[in-house]
Structure formats: structure tokens, C-alpha cells
């Protein structure tokens, strides 16, 4: 498969994830500065997830740029990573509604952990296609 298909699909999924998250942001119910306090936890969770997704999107772009073509293994590992990323809107919303409560915080952390593990597996599969080069060599050329 040409790499541009997987990259375009991944970009689209990440854009949809951010769109879903921003749609969960609501204006305060009142028009006072005091009312802003009620939306701060949700906004904080959104900012955290947005930055997290942005970092992954940038790293994914650089990682995919090293590929000539996409194997079945890389495609499925990429889908595995996108699966965990797609859970971020749910856990972000839950965390924002119940900031620092045990279950939402644990689930948010677990999803972030699984995003990291799945990305690590994807990265290693891509690096295996470039056995003679290190990651830093690939990303600086």
C-alpha cells in the first residue's frame, strides 16, 4: 500500500478526534466570570489531550516520512494505535467532568499508556524496515 493512503487516513482520524473533543466544550451557563470556573476542568482536560494528540501527529508524520511503502503489519499496528487514540475524546470528557476522581483519572491514564505502547510497537515495526539506520539518522535525512 502506498504510504500516503495510511498517512491521509491517520490524519483524518486524528482531525475527527480533535473535532469530537472540541464539541464537548460548552460555554458557561451564566455570563459572569464566576461561571467560567465551572468549565475550567473540561477546558484543562481538552488542552491536555489536544497537546498530546498534536505531539503524536507531528511524530507520526516524521515517522511515516521514512517509509517507502506500508506493509500489512505496519498498517495493522497503525490501526491499533488509532484505536487507542480514538478513545481519547471519551476519557477526556469523563476526566473533564470529574477532574482528579479515581476512575476517570485512571482510565485517562490507561488510554494514554496504551497509546504510548501501541505507538512504540508501530515505531519499532517501521524501524525494522530500516535495519541499517538508527531512528535519529532516519529522521534527520
Foldseek 3Di string as FASTA:
>chain_A
DALVVLLVVLVVLLVVLLVLLVVLQDDFPDDDPVSVVLRVLLVVLSVVLVVVSVVVNVVVVLLSVLDRHDDPVLSVLSVQLSVLNSCSSVLSSVCSNPPPDPPSVVVNVVSVVSNVVSVVVSSVVSVVVVVVDDPVVSSVD
